[in-house]
Amino acid sequence: MRRTVVLIATLAFIGFLAVLTVLGFINNGVTALGVIAILILVLFSVGIVGALRQPPPPPPPANLSATPPPETTPPPDADPPSPPPRSQS
């Protein structure tokens, strides 16, 4: 429900900005600033509306968030690391 309200408010805001941009085109002609405004509106429309139309991700399982990270100790039968080679000076 909240996502629908936010989507409608976003569409109204983008529509209002589009009307202002078209009025700018009517009054001043096509300018570089007007073309940039259209590109920004398209970017907003695709990004925001696309994100709001996707369902929210499922919450993480409750038992995974409380578990500590696994230890990274080597197994007991692993060979110890070899020492670095000595430099000849």
PDB file of N, CA and C in Angstrom:
ATOM      1  N   MET A   1       0.827  -1.192   0.000  1.00  0.00           N
ATOM      2  CA  MET A   1       0.000   0.000   0.000  1.00  0.00           C
ATOM      3  C   MET A   1       0.876   1.262   0.000  1.00  0.00           C
ATOM      4  N   ARG A   2       1.913   1.270   0.882  1.00  0.00           N
ATOM      5  CA  ARG A   2       2.782   2.442   0.939  1.00  0.00           C
ATOM      6  C   ARG A   2       3.538   2.635  -0.367  1.00  0.00           C
ATOM      7  N   ARG A   3       3.945   1.527  -0.974  1.00  0.00           N
ATOM      8  CA  ARG A   3       4.683   1.627  -2.227  1.00  0.00           C
ATOM      9  C   ARG A   3       3.801   2.225  -3.318  1.00  0.00           C
ATOM     10  N   THR A   4       2.523   1.894  -3.322  1.00  0.00           N
ATOM     11  CA  THR A   4       1.611   2.449  -4.313  1.00  0.00           C
ATOM     12  C   THR A   4       1.451   3.957  -4.119  1.00  0.00           C
ATOM     13  N   VAL A   5       1.350   4.384  -2.867  1.00  0.00           N
ATOM     14  CA  VAL A   5       1.215   5.814  -2.584  1.00  0.00           C
ATOM     15  C   VAL A   5       2.479   6.557  -3.019  1.00  0.00           C
ATOM     16  N   VAL A   6       3.633   5.986  -2.713  1.00  0.00           N
ATOM     17  CA  VAL A   6       4.889   6.619  -3.114  1.00  0.00           C
ATOM     18  C   VAL A   6       5.015   6.638  -4.634  1.00  0.00           C
ATOM     19  N   LEU A   7       4.594   5.563  -5.302  1.00  0.00           N
ATOM     20  CA  LEU A   7       4.643   5.512  -6.762  1.00  0.00           C
ATOM     21  C   LEU A   7       3.748   6.590  -7.377  1.00  0.00           C
ATOM     22  N   ILE A   8       2.558   6.763  -6.847  1.00  0.00           N
ATOM     23  CA  ILE A   8       1.634   7.782  -7.368  1.00  0.00           C
ATOM     24  C   ILE A   8       2.202   9.181  -7.126  1.00  0.00           C
ATOM     25  N   ALA A   9       2.754   9.419  -5.937  1.00  0.00           N
ATOM     26  CA  ALA A   9       3.343  10.730  -5.648  1.00  0.00           C
ATOM     27  C   ALA A   9       4.538  11.001  -6.561  1.00  0.00           C
ATOM     28  N   THR A  10       5.332   9.986  -6.818  1.00  0.00           N
ATOM     29  CA  THR A  10       6.491  10.147  -7.698  1.00  0.00           C
ATOM     30  C   THR A  10       6.048  10.433  -9.126  1.00  0.00           C
ATOM     31  N   LEU A  11       5.055   9.707  -9.603  1.00  0.00           N
ATOM     32  CA  LEU A  11       4.538   9.958 -10.950  1.00  0.00           C
ATOM     33  C   LEU A  11       3.959  11.368 -11.066  1.00  0.00           C
ATOM     34  N   ALA A  12       3.273  11.831 -10.023  1.00  0.00           N
ATOM     35  CA  ALA A  12       2.726  13.187 -10.048  1.00  0.00           C
ATOM     36  C   ALA A  12       3.847  14.227 -10.095  1.00  0.00           C
ATOM     37  N   PHE A  13       4.901  14.006  -9.318  1.00  0.00           N
ATOM     38  CA  PHE A  13       6.029  14.934  -9.298  1.00  0.00           C
ATOM     39  C   PHE A  13       6.736  14.951 -10.649  1.00  0.00           C
ATOM     40  N   ILE A  14       6.971  13.771 -11.221  1.00  0.00           N
ATOM     41  CA  ILE A  14       7.634  13.697 -12.529  1.00  0.00           C
ATOM     42  C   ILE A  14       6.742  14.328 -13.596  1.00  0.00           C
ATOM     43  N   GLY A  15       5.434  14.098 -13.512  1.00  0.00           N
ATOM     44  CA  GLY A  15       4.514  14.718 -14.457  1.00  0.00           C
ATOM     45  C   GLY A  15       4.504  16.233 -14.349  1.00  0.00           C
ATOM     46  N   PHE A  16       4.557  16.744 -13.116  1.00  0.00           N
ATOM     47  CA  PHE A  16       4.608  18.195 -12.908  1.00  0.00           C
ATOM     48  C   PHE A  16       5.882  18.783 -13.519  1.00  0.00           C
ATOM     49  N   LEU A  17       7.012  18.119 -13.295  1.00  0.00           N
ATOM     50  CA  LEU A  17       8.257  18.596 -13.888  1.00  0.00           C
ATOM     51  C   LEU A  17       8.228  18.509 -15.416  1.00  0.00           C
ATOM     52  N   ALA A  18       7.563  17.485 -15.949  1.00  0.00           N
ATOM     53  CA  ALA A  18       7.448  17.361 -17.400  1.00  0.00           C
ATOM     54  C   ALA A  18       6.599  18.500 -17.977  1.00  0.00           C
ATOM     55  N   VAL A  19       5.513  18.860 -17.286  1.00  0.00           N
ATOM     56  CA  VAL A  19       4.677  19.975 -17.741  1.00  0.00           C
ATOM     57  C   VAL A  19       5.479  21.273 -17.730  1.00  0.00           C
ATOM     58  N   LEU A  20       6.249  21.496 -16.671  1.00  0.00           N
ATOM     59  CA  LEU A  20       7.072  22.701 -16.620  1.00  0.00           C
ATOM     60  C   LEU A  20       8.114  22.720 -17.737  1.00  0.00           C
ATOM     61  N   THR A  21       8.661  21.563 -18.058  1.00  0.00           N
ATOM     62  CA  THR A  21       9.653  21.487 -19.130  1.00  0.00           C
ATOM     63  C   THR A  21       9.015  21.777 -20.479  1.00  0.00           C
ATOM     64  N   VAL A  22       7.827  21.233 -20.712  1.00  0.00           N
ATOM     65  CA  VAL A  22       7.125  21.494 -21.972  1.00  0.00           C
ATOM     66  C   VAL A  22       6.749  22.973 -22.071  1.00  0.00           C
ATOM     67  N   LEU A  23       6.321  23.571 -20.966  1.00  0.00           N
ATOM     68  CA  LEU A  23       6.025  25.004 -20.983  1.00  0.00           C
ATOM     69  C   LEU A  23       7.289  25.819 -21.273  1.00  0.00           C
ATOM     70  N   GLY A  24       8.419  25.355 -20.777  1.00  0.00           N
ATOM     71  CA  GLY A  24       9.681  26.016 -21.106  1.00  0.00           C
ATOM     72  C   GLY A  24      10.001  25.901 -22.582  1.00  0.00           C
ATOM     73  N   PHE A  25       9.703  24.755 -23.183  1.00  0.00           N
ATOM     74  CA  PHE A  25       9.901  24.587 -24.621  1.00  0.00           C
ATOM     75  C   PHE A  25       8.981  25.521 -25.405  1.00  0.00           C
ATOM     76  N   ILE A  26       7.735  25.665 -24.946  1.00  0.00           N
ATOM     77  CA  ILE A  26       6.776  26.523 -25.652  1.00  0.00           C
ATOM     78  C   ILE A  26       7.205  27.986 -25.569  1.00  0.00           C
ATOM     79  N   ASN A  27       7.628  28.421 -24.385  1.00  0.00           N
ATOM     80  CA  ASN A  27       7.975  29.830 -24.200  1.00  0.00           C
ATOM     81  C   ASN A  27       9.344  30.193 -24.774  1.00  0.00           C
ATOM     82  N   ASN A  28      10.340  29.297 -24.648  1.00  0.00           N
ATOM     83  CA  ASN A  28      11.709  29.644 -25.004  1.00  0.00           C
ATOM     84  C   ASN A  28      12.247  28.873 -26.201  1.00  0.00           C
ATOM     85  N   GLY A  29      11.494  27.939 -26.704  1.00  0.00           N
ATOM     86  CA  GLY A  29      12.000  27.089 -27.776  1.00  0.00           C
ATOM     87  C   GLY A  29      12.848  25.969 -27.186  1.00  0.00           C
ATOM     88  N   VAL A  30      13.325  25.111 -28.051  1.00  0.00           N
ATOM     89  CA  VAL A  30      14.151  23.987 -27.597  1.00  0.00           C
ATOM     90  C   VAL A  30      15.557  24.508 -27.297  1.00  0.00           C
ATOM     91  N   THR A  31      15.964  24.326 -26.042  1.00  0.00           N
ATOM     92  CA  THR A  31      17.290  24.768 -25.619  1.00  0.00           C
ATOM     93  C   THR A  31      18.067  23.565 -25.082  1.00  0.00           C
ATOM     94  N   ALA A  32      19.356  23.768 -24.901  1.00  0.00           N
ATOM     95  CA  ALA A  32      20.184  22.696 -24.353  1.00  0.00           C
ATOM     96  C   ALA A  32      19.740  22.346 -22.934  1.00  0.00           C
ATOM     97  N   LEU A  33      19.364  23.348 -22.163  1.00  0.00           N
ATOM     98  CA  LEU A  33      18.895  23.116 -20.806  1.00  0.00           C
ATOM     99  C   LEU A  33      17.588  22.313 -20.801  1.00  0.00           C
ATOM    100  N   GLY A  34      16.718  22.583 -21.752  1.00  0.00           N
ATOM    101  CA  GLY A  34      15.471  21.829 -21.852  1.00  0.00           C
ATOM    102  C   GLY A  34      15.715  20.376 -22.224  1.00  0.00           C
ATOM    103  N   VAL A  35      16.666  20.137 -23.115  1.00  0.00           N
ATOM    104  CA  VAL A  35      16.994  18.761 -23.503  1.00  0.00           C
ATOM    105  C   VAL A  35      17.603  18.011 -22.325  1.00  0.00           C
ATOM    106  N   ILE A  36      18.459  18.681 -21.561  1.00  0.00           N
ATOM    107  CA  ILE A  36      19.029  18.058 -20.360  1.00  0.00           C
ATOM    108  C   ILE A  36      17.925  17.751 -19.352  1.00  0.00           C
ATOM    109  N   ALA A  37      16.959  18.654 -19.224  1.00  0.00           N
ATOM    110  CA  ALA A  37      15.833  18.422 -18.311  1.00  0.00           C
ATOM    111  C   ALA A  37      15.036  17.196 -18.721  1.00  0.00           C
ATOM    112  N   ILE A  38      14.815  17.021 -20.014  1.00  0.00           N
ATOM    113  CA  ILE A  38      14.086  15.831 -20.492  1.00  0.00           C
ATOM    114  C   ILE A  38      14.883  14.571 -20.182  1.00  0.00           C
ATOM    115  N   LEU A  39      16.195  14.608 -20.398  1.00  0.00           N
ATOM    116  CA  LEU A  39      17.023  13.438 -20.098  1.00  0.00           C
ATOM    117  C   LEU A  39      16.984  13.092 -18.606  1.00  0.00           C
ATOM    118  N   ILE A  40      16.998  14.106 -17.757  1.00  0.00           N
ATOM    119  CA  ILE A  40      16.920  13.861 -16.317  1.00  0.00           C
ATOM    120  C   ILE A  40      15.559  13.287 -15.944  1.00  0.00           C
ATOM    121  N   LEU A  41      14.493  13.787 -16.542  1.00  0.00           N
ATOM    122  CA  LEU A  41      13.163  13.243 -16.261  1.00  0.00           C
ATOM    123  C   LEU A  41      13.045  11.794 -16.702  1.00  0.00           C
ATOM    124  N   VAL A  42      13.620  11.466 -17.841  1.00  0.00           N
ATOM    125  CA  VAL A  42      13.602  10.062 -18.292  1.00  0.00           C
ATOM    126  C   VAL A  42      14.403   9.200 -17.325  1.00  0.00           C
ATOM    127  N   LEU A  43      15.536   9.691 -16.877  1.00  0.00           N
ATOM    128  CA  LEU A  43      16.356   8.950 -15.924  1.00  0.00           C
ATOM    129  C   LEU A  43      15.595   8.724 -14.621  1.00  0.00           C
ATOM    130  N   PHE A  44      14.944   9.764 -14.111  1.00  0.00           N
ATOM    131  CA  PHE A  44      14.116   9.611 -12.909  1.00  0.00           C
ATOM    132  C   PHE A  44      12.995   8.608 -13.136  1.00  0.00           C
ATOM    133  N   SER A  45      12.312   8.733 -14.260  1.00  0.00           N
ATOM    134  CA  SER A  45      11.163   7.868 -14.526  1.00  0.00           C
ATOM    135  C   SER A  45      11.580   6.408 -14.556  1.00  0.00           C
ATOM    136  N   VAL A  46      12.620   6.111 -15.289  1.00  0.00           N
ATOM    137  CA  VAL A  46      13.041   4.718 -15.420  1.00  0.00           C
ATOM    138  C   VAL A  46      13.552   4.179 -14.086  1.00  0.00           C
ATOM    139  N   GLY A  47      14.393   4.939 -13.406  1.00  0.00           N
ATOM    140  CA  GLY A  47      14.988   4.449 -12.169  1.00  0.00           C
ATOM    141  C   GLY A  47      14.013   4.333 -11.019  1.00  0.00           C
ATOM    142  N   ILE A  48      13.302   5.398 -10.732  1.00  0.00           N
ATOM    143  CA  ILE A  48      12.416   5.413  -9.564  1.00  0.00           C
ATOM    144  C   ILE A  48      11.205   4.529  -9.788  1.00  0.00           C
ATOM    145  N   VAL A  49      10.556   4.676 -10.924  1.00  0.00           N
ATOM    146  CA  VAL A  49       9.356   3.882 -11.182  1.00  0.00           C
ATOM    147  C   VAL A  49       9.718   2.402 -11.318  1.00  0.00           C
ATOM    148  N   GLY A  50      10.841   2.110 -11.965  1.00  0.00           N
ATOM    149  CA  GLY A  50      11.267   0.712 -12.070  1.00  0.00           C
ATOM    150  C   GLY A  50      11.556   0.097 -10.718  1.00  0.00           C
ATOM    151  N   ALA A  51      12.186   0.857  -9.826  1.00  0.00           N
ATOM    152  CA  ALA A  51      12.488   0.341  -8.493  1.00  0.00           C
ATOM    153  C   ALA A  51      11.220   0.154  -7.661  1.00  0.00           C
ATOM    154  N   LEU A  52      10.273   1.052  -7.783  1.00  0.00           N
ATOM    155  CA  LEU A  52       9.051   0.951  -6.974  1.00  0.00           C
ATOM    156  C   LEU A  52       8.100  -0.128  -7.478  1.00  0.00           C
ATOM    157  N   ARG A  53       8.238  -0.529  -8.726  1.00  0.00           N
ATOM    158  CA  ARG A  53       7.352  -1.572  -9.242  1.00  0.00           C
ATOM    159  C   ARG A  53       7.836  -2.972  -8.879  1.00  0.00           C
ATOM    160  N   GLN A  54       9.100  -3.108  -8.468  1.00  0.00           N
ATOM    161  CA  GLN A  54       9.627  -4.408  -8.074  1.00  0.00           C
ATOM    162  C   GLN A  54       9.157  -4.738  -6.662  1.00  0.00           C
ATOM    163  N   PRO A  55       8.867  -6.000  -6.396  1.00  0.00           N
ATOM    164  CA  PRO A  55       8.480  -6.351  -5.023  1.00  0.00           C
ATOM    165  C   PRO A  55       9.677  -6.235  -4.089  1.00  0.00           C
ATOM    166  N   PRO A  56       9.426  -5.937  -2.821  1.00  0.00           N
ATOM    167  CA  PRO A  56      10.547  -5.817  -1.885  1.00  0.00           C
ATOM    168  C   PRO A  56      11.204  -7.180  -1.670  1.00  0.00           C
ATOM    169  N   PRO A  57      12.489  -7.189  -1.346  1.00  0.00           N
ATOM    170  CA  PRO A  57      13.159  -8.467  -1.114  1.00  0.00           C
ATOM    171  C   PRO A  57      12.638  -9.119   0.157  1.00  0.00           C
ATOM    172  N   PRO A  58      12.683 -10.440   0.214  1.00  0.00           N
ATOM    173  CA  PRO A  58      12.202 -11.102   1.437  1.00  0.00           C
ATOM    174  C   PRO A  58      13.159 -10.821   2.589  1.00  0.00           C
ATOM    175  N   PRO A  59      12.651 -10.791   3.810  1.00  0.00           N
ATOM    176  CA  PRO A  59      13.534 -10.539   4.952  1.00  0.00           C
ATOM    177  C   PRO A  59      14.466 -11.734   5.164  1.00  0.00           C
ATOM    178  N   PRO A  60      15.646 -11.499   5.719  1.00  0.00           N
ATOM    179  CA  PRO A  60      16.556 -12.620   5.959  1.00  0.00           C
ATOM    180  C   PRO A  60      16.002 -13.522   7.049  1.00  0.00           C
ATOM    181  N   PRO A  61      16.329 -14.800   7.011  1.00  0.00           N
ATOM    182  CA  PRO A  61      15.857 -15.696   8.076  1.00  0.00           C
ATOM    183  C   PRO A  61      16.393 -15.239   9.435  1.00  0.00           C
ATOM    184  N   ALA A  62      15.575 -15.384  10.446  1.00  0.00           N
ATOM    185  CA  ALA A  62      15.927 -14.892  11.778  1.00  0.00           C
ATOM    186  C   ALA A  62      17.104 -15.650  12.369  1.00  0.00           C
ATOM    187  N   ASN A  63      17.231 -16.944  12.086  1.00  0.00           N
ATOM    188  CA  ASN A  63      18.279 -17.723  12.724  1.00  0.00           C
ATOM    189  C   ASN A  63      19.661 -17.440  12.124  1.00  0.00           C
ATOM    190  N   LEU A  64      19.764 -16.936  10.904  1.00  0.00           N
ATOM    191  CA  LEU A  64      21.057 -16.667  10.305  1.00  0.00           C
ATOM    192  C   LEU A  64      21.684 -15.385  10.834  1.00  0.00           C
ATOM    193  N   SER A  65      20.871 -14.434  11.240  1.00  0.00           N
ATOM    194  CA  SER A  65      21.428 -13.166  11.696  1.00  0.00           C
ATOM    195  C   SER A  65      22.059 -13.288  13.082  1.00  0.00           C
ATOM    196  N   ALA A  66      21.709 -14.314  13.870  1.00  0.00           N
ATOM    197  CA  ALA A  66      22.221 -14.460  15.219  1.00  0.00           C
ATOM    198  C   ALA A  66      23.426 -15.394  15.289  1.00  0.00           C
ATOM    199  N   THR A  67      23.772 -16.070  14.225  1.00  0.00           N
ATOM    200  CA  THR A  67      24.888 -17.013  14.277  1.00  0.00           C
ATOM    201  C   THR A  67      26.206 -16.280  14.100  1.00  0.00           C
ATOM    202  N   PRO A  68      27.231 -16.667  14.843  1.00  0.00           N
ATOM    203  CA  PRO A  68      28.534 -16.019  14.670  1.00  0.00           C
ATOM    204  C   PRO A  68      29.187 -16.492  13.374  1.00  0.00           C
ATOM    205  N   PRO A  69      30.129 -15.732  12.864  1.00  0.00           N
ATOM    206  CA  PRO A  69      30.796 -16.167  11.633  1.00  0.00           C
ATOM    207  C   PRO A  69      31.617 -17.419  11.894  1.00  0.00           C
ATOM    208  N   PRO A  70      31.787 -18.260  10.884  1.00  0.00           N
ATOM    209  CA  PRO A  70      32.555 -19.494  11.095  1.00  0.00           C
ATOM    210  C   PRO A  70      34.032 -19.180  11.326  1.00  0.00           C
ATOM    211  N   GLU A  71      34.666 -20.029  12.104  1.00  0.00           N
ATOM    212  CA  GLU A  71      36.084 -19.837  12.377  1.00  0.00           C
ATOM    213  C   GLU A  71      36.899 -20.257  11.162  1.00  0.00           C
ATOM    214  N   THR A  72      38.041 -19.628  11.007  1.00  0.00           N
ATOM    215  CA  THR A  72      38.871 -19.921   9.839  1.00  0.00           C
ATOM    216  C   THR A  72      40.178 -20.592  10.247  1.00  0.00           C
ATOM    217  N   THR A  73      40.133 -21.416  11.265  1.00  0.00           N
ATOM    218  CA  THR A  73      41.349 -22.125  11.672  1.00  0.00           C
ATOM    219  C   THR A  73      41.574 -23.299  10.737  1.00  0.00           C
ATOM    220  N   PRO A  74      42.841 -23.613  10.448  1.00  0.00           N
ATOM    221  CA  PRO A  74      43.104 -24.745   9.557  1.00  0.00           C
ATOM    222  C   PRO A  74      42.817 -26.055  10.275  1.00  0.00           C
ATOM    223  N   PRO A  75      42.544 -27.096   9.537  1.00  0.00           N
ATOM    224  CA  PRO A  75      42.302 -28.392  10.181  1.00  0.00           C
ATOM    225  C   PRO A  75      43.568 -28.861  10.892  1.00  0.00           C
ATOM    226  N   PRO A  76      43.433 -29.729  11.912  1.00  0.00           N
ATOM    227  CA  PRO A  76      44.605 -30.128  12.700  1.00  0.00           C
ATOM    228  C   PRO A  76      45.643 -30.894  11.874  1.00  0.00           C
ATOM    229  N   ASP A  77      45.273 -31.553  10.807  1.00  0.00           N
ATOM    230  CA  ASP A  77      46.243 -32.315  10.031  1.00  0.00           C
ATOM    231  C   ASP A  77      46.872 -31.490   8.908  1.00  0.00           C
ATOM    232  N   ALA A  78      46.634 -30.189   8.851  1.00  0.00           N
ATOM    233  CA  ALA A  78      47.188 -29.346   7.794  1.00  0.00           C
ATOM    234  C   ALA A  78      48.656 -29.061   8.060  1.00  0.00           C
ATOM    235  N   ASP A  79      49.447 -28.944   7.004  1.00  0.00           N
ATOM    236  CA  ASP A  79      50.863 -28.627   7.124  1.00  0.00           C
ATOM    237  C   ASP A  79      51.023 -27.169   7.524  1.00  0.00           C
ATOM    238  N   PRO A  80      52.004 -26.869   8.372  1.00  0.00           N
ATOM    239  CA  PRO A  80      52.228 -25.459   8.719  1.00  0.00           C
ATOM    240  C   PRO A  80      52.779 -24.715   7.499  1.00  0.00           C
ATOM    241  N   PRO A  81      52.556 -23.426   7.430  1.00  0.00           N
ATOM    242  CA  PRO A  81      53.070 -22.683   6.281  1.00  0.00           C
ATOM    243  C   PRO A  81      54.592 -22.665   6.298  1.00  0.00           C
ATOM    244  N   SER A  82      55.174 -22.713   5.115  1.00  0.00           N
ATOM    245  CA  SER A  82      56.637 -22.722   5.027  1.00  0.00           C
ATOM    246  C   SER A  82      57.160 -21.311   5.255  1.00  0.00           C
ATOM    247  N   PRO A  83      58.353 -21.188   5.826  1.00  0.00           N
ATOM    248  CA  PRO A  83      58.900 -19.844   6.051  1.00  0.00           C
ATOM    249  C   PRO A  83      59.283 -19.191   4.740  1.00  0.00           C
ATOM    250  N   PRO A  84      59.318 -17.864   4.723  1.00  0.00           N
ATOM    251  CA  PRO A  84      59.694 -17.187   3.477  1.00  0.00           C
ATOM    252  C   PRO A  84      61.168 -17.435   3.160  1.00  0.00           C
ATOM    253  N   PRO A  85      61.560 -17.413   1.887  1.00  0.00           N
ATOM    254  CA  PRO A  85      62.950 -17.667   1.529  1.00  0.00           C
ATOM    255  C   PRO A  85      63.847 -16.532   2.045  1.00  0.00           C
ATOM    256  N   ARG A  86      65.043 -16.921   2.447  1.00  0.00           N
ATOM    257  CA  ARG A  86      66.005 -15.945   2.971  1.00  0.00           C
ATOM    258  C   ARG A  86      66.673 -15.232   1.811  1.00  0.00           C
ATOM    259  N   SER A  87      66.868 -13.957   2.000  1.00  0.00           N
ATOM    260  CA  SER A  87      67.521 -13.190   0.937  1.00  0.00           C
ATOM    261  C   SER A  87      69.029 -13.296   1.089  1.00  0.00           C
ATOM    262  N   GLN A  88      69.721 -13.299  -0.019  1.00  0.00           N
ATOM    263  CA  GLN A  88      71.183 -13.380  -0.034  1.00  0.00           C
ATOM    264  C   GLN A  88      71.724 -11.963  -0.144  1.00  0.00           C
ATOM    265  N   SER A  89      72.532 -11.543   0.813  1.00  0.00           N
ATOM    266  CA  SER A  89      73.082 -10.197   0.707  1.00  0.00           C
ATOM    267  C   SER A  89      74.586 -10.193   0.680  1.00  0.00           C
TER     268      SER A  89
END
